[in-house]
PDB file of N, CA and C in Angstrom:
ATOM      1  N   UNK A   1     -19.265 -15.700  29.085  1.00  0.00           N
ATOM      2  CA  UNK A   1     -19.160 -15.603  27.641  1.00  0.00           C
ATOM      3  C   UNK A   1     -17.722 -15.893  27.235  1.00  0.00           C
ATOM      4  N   UNK A   2     -17.539 -16.862  26.359  1.00  0.00           N
ATOM      5  CA  UNK A   2     -16.209 -17.237  25.907  1.00  0.00           C
ATOM      6  C   UNK A   2     -15.820 -16.453  24.666  1.00  0.00           C
ATOM      7  N   UNK A   3     -14.548 -16.112  24.588  1.00  0.00           N
ATOM      8  CA  UNK A   3     -14.030 -15.445  23.400  1.00  0.00           C
ATOM      9  C   UNK A   3     -13.524 -16.518  22.457  1.00  0.00           C
ATOM     10  N   UNK A   4     -13.917 -16.415  21.203  1.00  0.00           N
ATOM     11  CA  UNK A   4     -13.492 -17.378  20.200  1.00  0.00           C
ATOM     12  C   UNK A   4     -12.464 -16.704  19.307  1.00  0.00           C
ATOM     13  N   UNK A   5     -11.275 -17.290  19.232  1.00  0.00           N
ATOM     14  CA  UNK A   5     -10.198 -16.767  18.414  1.00  0.00           C
ATOM     15  C   UNK A   5      -9.854 -17.810  17.363  1.00  0.00           C
ATOM     16  N   UNK A   6     -10.170 -17.509  16.127  1.00  0.00           N
ATOM     17  CA  UNK A   6      -9.934 -18.435  15.019  1.00  0.00           C
ATOM     18  C   UNK A   6     -10.590 -19.788  15.278  1.00  0.00           C
ATOM     19  N   UNK A   7     -11.785 -19.752  15.793  1.00  0.00           N
ATOM     20  CA  UNK A   7     -12.578 -20.951  16.062  1.00  0.00           C
ATOM     21  C   UNK A   7     -11.923 -21.870  17.084  1.00  0.00           C
ATOM     22  N   UNK A   8     -11.073 -21.311  17.944  1.00  0.00           N
ATOM     23  CA  UNK A   8     -10.426 -22.077  19.006  1.00  0.00           C
ATOM     24  C   UNK A   8     -10.902 -21.503  20.330  1.00  0.00           C
ATOM     25  N   UNK A   9     -11.400 -22.368  21.199  1.00  0.00           N
ATOM     26  CA  UNK A   9     -11.900 -21.890  22.488  1.00  0.00           C
ATOM     27  C   UNK A   9     -10.769 -21.900  23.527  1.00  0.00           C
ATOM     28  N   UNK A  10     -11.079 -21.413  24.725  1.00  0.00           N
ATOM     29  CA  UNK A  10     -10.093 -21.319  25.799  1.00  0.00           C
ATOM     30  C   UNK A  10      -9.428 -22.632  26.157  1.00  0.00           C
ATOM     31  N   UNK A  11     -10.186 -23.696  26.414  1.00  0.00           N
ATOM     32  CA  UNK A  11      -9.536 -24.976  26.761  1.00  0.00           C
ATOM     33  C   UNK A  11      -8.629 -25.512  25.657  1.00  0.00           C
ATOM     34  N   UNK A  12      -9.005 -25.301  24.411  1.00  0.00           N
ATOM     35  CA  UNK A  12      -8.163 -25.774  23.301  1.00  0.00           C
ATOM     36  C   UNK A  12      -6.842 -25.013  23.256  1.00  0.00           C
ATOM     37  N   UNK A  13      -6.897 -23.707  23.554  1.00  0.00           N
ATOM     38  CA  UNK A  13      -5.666 -22.914  23.598  1.00  0.00           C
ATOM     39  C   UNK A  13      -4.763 -23.410  24.717  1.00  0.00           C
ATOM     40  N   UNK A  14      -5.353 -23.755  25.876  1.00  0.00           N
ATOM     41  CA  UNK A  14      -4.557 -24.258  27.000  1.00  0.00           C
ATOM     42  C   UNK A  14      -3.874 -25.577  26.630  1.00  0.00           C
ATOM     43  N   UNK A  15      -4.556 -26.452  25.918  1.00  0.00           N
ATOM     44  CA  UNK A  15      -3.967 -27.725  25.496  1.00  0.00           C
ATOM     45  C   UNK A  15      -2.805 -27.459  24.535  1.00  0.00           C
ATOM     46  N   UNK A  16      -3.004 -26.524  23.601  1.00  0.00           N
ATOM     47  CA  UNK A  16      -1.933 -26.197  22.647  1.00  0.00           C
ATOM     48  C   UNK A  16      -0.728 -25.636  23.387  1.00  0.00           C
ATOM     49  N   UNK A  17      -0.957 -24.737  24.348  1.00  0.00           N
ATOM     50  CA  UNK A  17       0.158 -24.177  25.120  1.00  0.00           C
ATOM     51  C   UNK A  17       0.884 -25.258  25.917  1.00  0.00           C
ATOM     52  N   UNK A  18       0.143 -26.194  26.485  1.00  0.00           N
ATOM     53  CA  UNK A  18       0.751 -27.300  27.227  1.00  0.00           C
ATOM     54  C   UNK A  18       1.629 -28.142  26.310  1.00  0.00           C
ATOM     55  N   UNK A  19       1.168 -28.424  25.121  1.00  0.00           N
ATOM     56  CA  UNK A  19       1.957 -29.207  24.158  1.00  0.00           C
ATOM     57  C   UNK A  19       3.221 -28.447  23.758  1.00  0.00           C
ATOM     58  N   UNK A  20       3.086 -27.123  23.548  1.00  0.00           N
ATOM     59  CA  UNK A  20       4.251 -26.304  23.192  1.00  0.00           C
ATOM     60  C   UNK A  20       5.290 -26.344  24.310  1.00  0.00           C
ATOM     61  N   UNK A  21       4.847 -26.225  25.543  1.00  0.00           N
ATOM     62  CA  UNK A  21       5.780 -26.274  26.679  1.00  0.00           C
ATOM     63  C   UNK A  21       6.446 -27.634  26.757  1.00  0.00           C
ATOM     64  N   UNK A  22       5.696 -28.703  26.531  1.00  0.00           N
ATOM     65  CA  UNK A  22       6.273 -30.046  26.604  1.00  0.00           C
ATOM     66  C   UNK A  22       7.266 -30.285  25.468  1.00  0.00           C
ATOM     67  N   UNK A  23       6.978 -29.775  24.281  1.00  0.00           N
ATOM     68  CA  UNK A  23       7.860 -30.034  23.138  1.00  0.00           C
ATOM     69  C   UNK A  23       9.131 -29.184  23.210  1.00  0.00           C
ATOM     70  N   UNK A  24       8.987 -27.892  23.472  1.00  0.00           N
ATOM     71  CA  UNK A  24      10.139 -26.994  23.419  1.00  0.00           C
ATOM     72  C   UNK A  24      10.778 -26.749  24.777  1.00  0.00           C
ATOM     73  N   UNK A  25      10.060 -26.945  25.833  1.00  0.00           N
ATOM     74  CA  UNK A  25      10.587 -26.661  27.168  1.00  0.00           C
ATOM     75  C   UNK A  25      10.337 -25.202  27.537  1.00  0.00           C
ATOM     76  N   UNK A  26      10.245 -24.972  28.839  1.00  0.00           N
ATOM     77  CA  UNK A  26       9.901 -23.637  29.322  1.00  0.00           C
ATOM     78  C   UNK A  26      11.006 -22.625  29.037  1.00  0.00           C
ATOM     79  N   UNK A  27      12.258 -23.067  28.978  1.00  0.00           N
ATOM     80  CA  UNK A  27      13.351 -22.121  28.758  1.00  0.00           C
ATOM     81  C   UNK A  27      13.459 -21.666  27.296  1.00  0.00           C
ATOM     82  N   UNK A  28      12.933 -22.418  26.356  1.00  0.00           N
ATOM     83  CA  UNK A  28      13.006 -22.061  24.933  1.00  0.00           C
ATOM     84  C   UNK A  28      11.846 -21.164  24.490  1.00  0.00           C
ATOM     85  N   UNK A  29      10.773 -21.128  25.246  1.00  0.00           N
ATOM     86  CA  UNK A  29       9.588 -20.368  24.840  1.00  0.00           C
ATOM     87  C   UNK A  29       9.883 -18.872  24.685  1.00  0.00           C
ATOM     88  N   UNK A  30      10.637 -18.233  25.606  1.00  0.00           N
ATOM     89  CA  UNK A  30      10.946 -16.809  25.379  1.00  0.00           C
ATOM     90  C   UNK A  30      11.754 -16.559  24.101  1.00  0.00           C
ATOM     91  N   UNK A  31      12.685 -17.474  23.787  1.00  0.00           N
ATOM     92  CA  UNK A  31      13.452 -17.332  22.549  1.00  0.00           C
ATOM     93  C   UNK A  31      12.554 -17.461  21.330  1.00  0.00           C
ATOM     94  N   UNK A  32      11.643 -18.411  21.377  1.00  0.00           N
ATOM     95  CA  UNK A  32      10.707 -18.602  20.271  1.00  0.00           C
ATOM     96  C   UNK A  32       9.817 -17.372  20.119  1.00  0.00           C
ATOM     97  N   UNK A  33       9.317 -16.863  21.244  1.00  0.00           N
ATOM     98  CA  UNK A  33       8.460 -15.675  21.200  1.00  0.00           C
ATOM     99  C   UNK A  33       9.232 -14.476  20.658  1.00  0.00           C
ATOM    100  N   UNK A  34      10.489 -14.329  21.052  1.00  0.00           N
ATOM    101  CA  UNK A  34      11.320 -13.233  20.553  1.00  0.00           C
ATOM    102  C   UNK A  34      11.518 -13.352  19.042  1.00  0.00           C
ATOM    103  N   UNK A  35      11.798 -14.576  18.601  1.00  0.00           N
ATOM    104  CA  UNK A  35      11.981 -14.812  17.164  1.00  0.00           C
ATOM    105  C   UNK A  35      10.707 -14.517  16.384  1.00  0.00           C
ATOM    106  N   UNK A  36       9.574 -14.952  16.943  1.00  0.00           N
ATOM    107  CA  UNK A  36       8.298 -14.652  16.279  1.00  0.00           C
ATOM    108  C   UNK A  36       8.043 -13.151  16.254  1.00  0.00           C
ATOM    109  N   UNK A  37       8.360 -12.469  17.334  1.00  0.00           N
ATOM    110  CA  UNK A  37       8.181 -11.017  17.393  1.00  0.00           C
ATOM    111  C   UNK A  37       9.029 -10.300  16.348  1.00  0.00           C
ATOM    112  N   UNK A  38      10.292 -10.738  16.213  1.00  0.00           N
ATOM    113  CA  UNK A  38      11.168 -10.135  15.208  1.00  0.00           C
ATOM    114  C   UNK A  38      10.640 -10.398  13.795  1.00  0.00           C
ATOM    115  N   UNK A  39      10.171 -11.613  13.575  1.00  0.00           N
ATOM    116  CA  UNK A  39       9.621 -11.945  12.255  1.00  0.00           C
ATOM    117  C   UNK A  39       8.389 -11.120  11.928  1.00  0.00           C
ATOM    118  N   UNK A  40       7.515 -10.989  12.901  1.00  0.00           N
ATOM    119  CA  UNK A  40       6.303 -10.193  12.688  1.00  0.00           C
ATOM    120  C   UNK A  40       6.683  -8.736  12.445  1.00  0.00           C
ATOM    121  N   UNK A  41       7.680  -8.238  13.177  1.00  0.00           N
ATOM    122  CA  UNK A  41       8.129  -6.849  13.007  1.00  0.00           C
ATOM    123  C   UNK A  41       8.697  -6.634  11.608  1.00  0.00           C
ATOM    124  N   UNK A  42       9.472  -7.603  11.105  1.00  0.00           N
ATOM    125  CA  UNK A  42      10.038  -7.488   9.761  1.00  0.00           C
ATOM    126  C   UNK A  42       8.940  -7.475   8.704  1.00  0.00           C
ATOM    127  N   UNK A  43       7.936  -8.321   8.892  1.00  0.00           N
ATOM    128  CA  UNK A  43       6.819  -8.341   7.946  1.00  0.00           C
ATOM    129  C   UNK A  43       6.076  -7.009   7.988  1.00  0.00           C
ATOM    130  N   UNK A  44       5.864  -6.487   9.197  1.00  0.00           N
ATOM    131  CA  UNK A  44       5.169  -5.207   9.343  1.00  0.00           C
ATOM    132  C   UNK A  44       5.967  -4.074   8.698  1.00  0.00           C
ATOM    133  N   UNK A  45       7.289  -4.058   8.915  1.00  0.00           N
ATOM    134  CA  UNK A  45       8.132  -3.039   8.301  1.00  0.00           C
ATOM    135  C   UNK A  45       8.099  -3.138   6.776  1.00  0.00           C
ATOM    136  N   UNK A  46       8.165  -4.368   6.255  1.00  0.00           N
ATOM    137  CA  UNK A  46       8.113  -4.551   4.806  1.00  0.00           C
ATOM    138  C   UNK A  46       6.772  -4.075   4.252  1.00  0.00           C
ATOM    139  N   UNK A  47       5.691  -4.372   4.969  1.00  0.00           N
ATOM    140  CA  UNK A  47       4.372  -3.929   4.541  1.00  0.00           C
ATOM    141  C   UNK A  47       4.287  -2.406   4.534  1.00  0.00           C
ATOM    142  N   UNK A  48       4.827  -1.772   5.571  1.00  0.00           N
ATOM    143  CA  UNK A  48       4.826  -0.309   5.629  1.00  0.00           C
ATOM    144  C   UNK A  48       5.671   0.294   4.513  1.00  0.00           C
ATOM    145  N   UNK A  49       6.808  -0.343   4.192  1.00  0.00           N
ATOM    146  CA  UNK A  49       7.644   0.137   3.091  1.00  0.00           C
ATOM    147  C   UNK A  49       6.894   0.059   1.766  1.00  0.00           C
ATOM    148  N   UNK A  50       6.197  -1.039   1.554  1.00  0.00           N
ATOM    149  CA  UNK A  50       5.425  -1.200   0.322  1.00  0.00           C
ATOM    150  C   UNK A  50       4.318  -0.158   0.240  1.00  0.00           C
ATOM    151  N   UNK A  51       3.625   0.051   1.359  1.00  0.00           N
ATOM    152  CA  UNK A  51       2.566   1.067   1.382  1.00  0.00           C
ATOM    153  C   UNK A  51       3.140   2.449   1.075  1.00  0.00           C
ATOM    154  N   UNK A  52       4.300   2.761   1.658  1.00  0.00           N
ATOM    155  CA  UNK A  52       4.921   4.064   1.436  1.00  0.00           C
ATOM    156  C   UNK A  52       5.319   4.225  -0.029  1.00  0.00           C
ATOM    157  N   UNK A  53       5.876   3.164  -0.632  1.00  0.00           N
ATOM    158  CA  UNK A  53       6.265   3.225  -2.033  1.00  0.00           C
ATOM    159  C   UNK A  53       5.045   3.449  -2.931  1.00  0.00           C
ATOM    160  N   UNK A  54       3.956   2.750  -2.621  1.00  0.00           N
ATOM    161  CA  UNK A  54       2.727   2.915  -3.414  1.00  0.00           C
ATOM    162  C   UNK A  54       2.203   4.331  -3.266  1.00  0.00           C
ATOM    163  N   UNK A  55       2.222   4.851  -2.044  1.00  0.00           N
ATOM    164  CA  UNK A  55       1.735   6.213  -1.805  1.00  0.00           C
ATOM    165  C   UNK A  55       2.613   7.227  -2.525  1.00  0.00           C
ATOM    166  N   UNK A  56       3.937   7.047  -2.439  1.00  0.00           N
ATOM    167  CA  UNK A  56       4.853   7.972  -3.113  1.00  0.00           C
ATOM    168  C   UNK A  56       4.649   7.936  -4.626  1.00  0.00           C
ATOM    169  N   UNK A  57       4.487   6.742  -5.176  1.00  0.00           N
ATOM    170  CA  UNK A  57       4.290   6.646  -6.624  1.00  0.00           C
ATOM    171  C   UNK A  57       2.943   7.226  -7.034  1.00  0.00           C
ATOM    172  N   UNK A  58       1.927   7.071  -6.192  1.00  0.00           N
ATOM    173  CA  UNK A  58       0.624   7.652  -6.524  1.00  0.00           C
ATOM    174  C   UNK A  58       0.669   9.168  -6.418  1.00  0.00           C
ATOM    175  N   UNK A  59       1.466   9.708  -5.480  1.00  0.00           N
ATOM    176  CA  UNK A  59       1.644  11.156  -5.401  1.00  0.00           C
ATOM    177  C   UNK A  59       2.328  11.678  -6.656  1.00  0.00           C
ATOM    178  N   UNK A  60       3.326  10.933  -7.144  1.00  0.00           N
ATOM    179  CA  UNK A  60       4.006  11.333  -8.372  1.00  0.00           C
ATOM    180  C   UNK A  60       3.065  11.284  -9.560  1.00  0.00           C
ATOM    181  N   UNK A  61       2.181  10.307  -9.583  1.00  0.00           N
ATOM    182  CA  UNK A  61       1.208  10.203 -10.666  1.00  0.00           C
ATOM    183  C   UNK A  61       0.266  11.403 -10.629  1.00  0.00           C
ATOM    184  N   UNK A  62      -0.132  11.812  -9.416  1.00  0.00           N
ATOM    185  CA  UNK A  62      -1.007  12.977  -9.290  1.00  0.00           C
ATOM    186  C   UNK A  62      -0.295  14.220  -9.809  1.00  0.00           C
ATOM    187  N   UNK A  63       0.989  14.364  -9.517  1.00  0.00           N
ATOM    188  CA  UNK A  63       1.760  15.495 -10.022  1.00  0.00           C
ATOM    189  C   UNK A  63       1.834  15.412 -11.544  1.00  0.00           C
ATOM    190  N   UNK A  64       2.071  14.218 -12.078  1.00  0.00           N
ATOM    191  CA  UNK A  64       2.130  14.035 -13.519  1.00  0.00           C
ATOM    192  C   UNK A  64       0.793  14.378 -14.169  1.00  0.00           C
ATOM    193  N   UNK A  65      -0.311  14.034 -13.504  1.00  0.00           N
ATOM    194  CA  UNK A  65      -1.619  14.362 -14.051  1.00  0.00           C
ATOM    195  C   UNK A  65      -1.827  15.865 -14.107  1.00  0.00           C
ATOM    196  N   UNK A  66      -1.380  16.577 -13.067  1.00  0.00           N
ATOM    197  CA  UNK A  66      -1.486  18.034 -13.069  1.00  0.00           C
ATOM    198  C   UNK A  66      -0.662  18.640 -14.201  1.00  0.00           C
ATOM    199  N   UNK A  67       0.543  18.144 -14.366  1.00  0.00           N
ATOM    200  CA  UNK A  67       1.404  18.634 -15.452  1.00  0.00           C
ATOM    201  C   UNK A  67       0.745  18.337 -16.792  1.00  0.00           C
ATOM    202  N   UNK A  68       0.190  17.122 -16.931  1.00  0.00           N
ATOM    203  CA  UNK A  68      -0.474  16.735 -18.175  1.00  0.00           C
ATOM    204  C   UNK A  68      -1.677  17.636 -18.462  1.00  0.00           C
ATOM    205  N   UNK A  69      -2.453  17.958 -17.436  1.00  0.00           N
ATOM    206  CA  UNK A  69      -3.599  18.853 -17.631  1.00  0.00           C
ATOM    207  C   UNK A  69      -3.144  20.225 -18.088  1.00  0.00           C
ATOM    208  N   UNK A  70      -2.070  20.735 -17.468  1.00  0.00           N
ATOM    209  CA  UNK A  70      -1.553  22.046 -17.867  1.00  0.00           C
ATOM    210  C   UNK A  70      -1.057  22.040 -19.310  1.00  0.00           C
ATOM    211  N   UNK A  71      -0.387  20.972 -19.693  1.00  0.00           N
ATOM    212  CA  UNK A  71       0.112  20.864 -21.071  1.00  0.00           C
ATOM    213  C   UNK A  71      -1.057  20.814 -22.042  1.00  0.00           C
ATOM    214  N   UNK A  72      -2.092  20.040 -21.714  1.00  0.00           N
ATOM    215  CA  UNK A  72      -3.262  19.953 -22.596  1.00  0.00           C
ATOM    216  C   UNK A  72      -3.955  21.307 -22.722  1.00  0.00           C
ATOM    217  N   UNK A  73      -4.026  22.059 -21.635  1.00  0.00           N
ATOM    218  CA  UNK A  73      -4.624  23.400 -21.692  1.00  0.00           C
ATOM    219  C   UNK A  73      -3.830  24.303 -22.620  1.00  0.00           C
ATOM    220  N   UNK A  74      -2.514  24.242 -22.502  1.00  0.00           N
ATOM    221  CA  UNK A  74      -1.659  25.073 -23.347  1.00  0.00           C
ATOM    222  C   UNK A  74      -1.792  24.681 -24.814  1.00  0.00           C
ATOM    223  N   UNK A  75      -1.837  23.380 -25.070  1.00  0.00           N
ATOM    224  CA  UNK A  75      -1.982  22.912 -26.453  1.00  0.00           C
ATOM    225  C   UNK A  75      -3.314  23.377 -27.027  1.00  0.00           C
ATOM    226  N   UNK A  76      -4.360  23.279 -26.229  1.00  0.00           N
ATOM    227  CA  UNK A  76      -5.683  23.727 -26.683  1.00  0.00           C
ATOM    228  C   UNK A  76      -5.670  25.220 -26.969  1.00  0.00           C
ATOM    229  N   UNK A  77      -5.001  26.003 -26.105  1.00  0.00           N
ATOM    230  CA  UNK A  77      -4.914  27.450 -26.320  1.00  0.00           C
ATOM    231  C   UNK A  77      -4.164  27.763 -27.614  1.00  0.00           C
ATOM    232  N   UNK A  78      -3.085  27.030 -27.871  1.00  0.00           N
ATOM    233  CA  UNK A  78      -2.325  27.242 -29.103  1.00  0.00           C
ATOM    234  C   UNK A  78      -3.173  26.873 -30.315  1.00  0.00           C
ATOM    235  N   UNK A  79      -3.901  25.766 -30.241  1.00  0.00           N
ATOM    236  CA  UNK A  79      -4.775  25.366 -31.351  1.00  0.00           C
ATOM    237  C   UNK A  79      -5.835  26.428 -31.614  1.00  0.00           C
ATOM    238  N   UNK A  80      -6.419  26.950 -30.545  1.00  0.00           N
ATOM    239  CA  UNK A  80      -7.434  27.994 -30.710  1.00  0.00           C
ATOM    240  C   UNK A  80      -6.834  29.232 -31.370  1.00  0.00           C
ATOM    241  N   UNK A  81      -5.622  29.610 -30.952  1.00  0.00           N
ATOM    242  CA  UNK A  81      -4.952  30.760 -31.558  1.00  0.00           C
ATOM    243  C   UNK A  81      -4.668  30.519 -33.041  1.00  0.00           C
ATOM    244  N   UNK A  82      -4.206  29.317 -33.366  1.00  0.00           N
ATOM    245  CA  UNK A  82      -3.935  28.979 -34.770  1.00  0.00           C
ATOM    246  C   UNK A  82      -5.226  29.008 -35.571  1.00  0.00           C
ATOM    247  N   UNK A  83      -6.309  28.477 -35.010  1.00  0.00           N
ATOM    248  CA  UNK A  83      -7.596  28.509 -35.712  1.00  0.00           C
ATOM    249  C   UNK A  83      -8.065  29.941 -35.928  1.00  0.00           C
ATOM    250  N   UNK A  84      -7.844  30.804 -34.938  1.00  0.00           N
ATOM    251  CA  UNK A  84      -8.224  32.212 -35.092  1.00  0.00           C
ATOM    252  C   UNK A  84      -7.424  32.871 -36.206  1.00  0.00           C
ATOM    253  N   UNK A  85      -6.126  32.537 -36.276  1.00  0.00           N
ATOM    254  CA  UNK A  85      -5.279  33.141 -37.304  1.00  0.00           C
ATOM    255  C   UNK A  85      -5.554  32.569 -38.684  1.00  0.00           C
ATOM    256  N   UNK A  86      -5.787  31.267 -38.755  1.00  0.00           N
ATOM    257  CA  UNK A  86      -5.948  30.637 -40.065  1.00  0.00           C
ATOM    258  C   UNK A  86      -7.398  30.607 -40.529  1.00  0.00           C
ATOM    259  N   UNK A  87      -8.313  31.009 -39.669  1.00  0.00           N
ATOM    260  CA  UNK A  87      -9.732  31.007 -40.052  1.00  0.00           C
ATOM    261  C   UNK A  87      -9.998  31.807 -41.313  1.00  0.00           C
ATOM    262  N   UNK A  88      -9.548  33.068 -41.389  1.00  0.00           N
ATOM    263  CA  UNK A  88      -9.798  33.842 -42.608  1.00  0.00           C
ATOM    264  C   UNK A  88      -9.099  33.248 -43.818  1.00  0.00           C
ATOM    265  N   UNK A  89      -7.935  32.656 -43.616  1.00  0.00           N
ATOM    266  CA  UNK A  89      -7.197  32.054 -44.751  1.00  0.00           C
ATOM    267  C   UNK A  89      -7.957  30.844 -45.253  1.00  0.00           C
ATOM    268  N   UNK A  90      -8.489  30.023 -44.368  1.00  0.00           N
ATOM    269  CA  UNK A  90      -9.256  28.844 -44.770  1.00  0.00           C
ATOM    270  C   UNK A  90     -10.506  29.247 -45.528  1.00  0.00           C
ATOM    271  N   UNK A  91     -11.137  30.332 -45.117  1.00  0.00           N
ATOM    272  CA  UNK A  91     -12.374  30.769 -45.774  1.00  0.00           C
ATOM    273  C   UNK A  91     -12.124  31.230 -47.204  1.00  0.00           C
ATOM    274  N   UNK A  92     -10.918  31.729 -47.473  1.00  0.00           N
ATOM    275  CA  UNK A  92     -10.618  32.203 -48.815  1.00  0.00           C
ATOM    276  C   UNK A  92     -10.456  31.033 -49.781  1.00  0.00           C
ATOM    277  N   UNK A  93     -10.031  29.899 -49.282  1.00  0.00           N
ATOM    278  CA  UNK A  93      -9.810  28.754 -50.173  1.00  0.00           C
ATOM    279  C   UNK A  93     -11.078  28.024 -50.261  1.00  0.00           C
TER     280      UNK A  93
END
């Protein structure tokens, strides 16, 4: 059973590797691989930073929502108290 990676089979990968060795030479391949590894690591770190920023901002939004709910509860309580106090006055008019 052959493993298919991006629609490329084993023999095709071997041909690509042979061409890479012929073009860059065997001594340059480790440098290229190191450079690719560093690039992939930088992309991964940037992605993790973005994820962390999104998570931190969403946590702050959740805190803001809790504060907003508490404020709305307090405002509603004050309105109810005002209605209780002004109810008899409104009925007289």
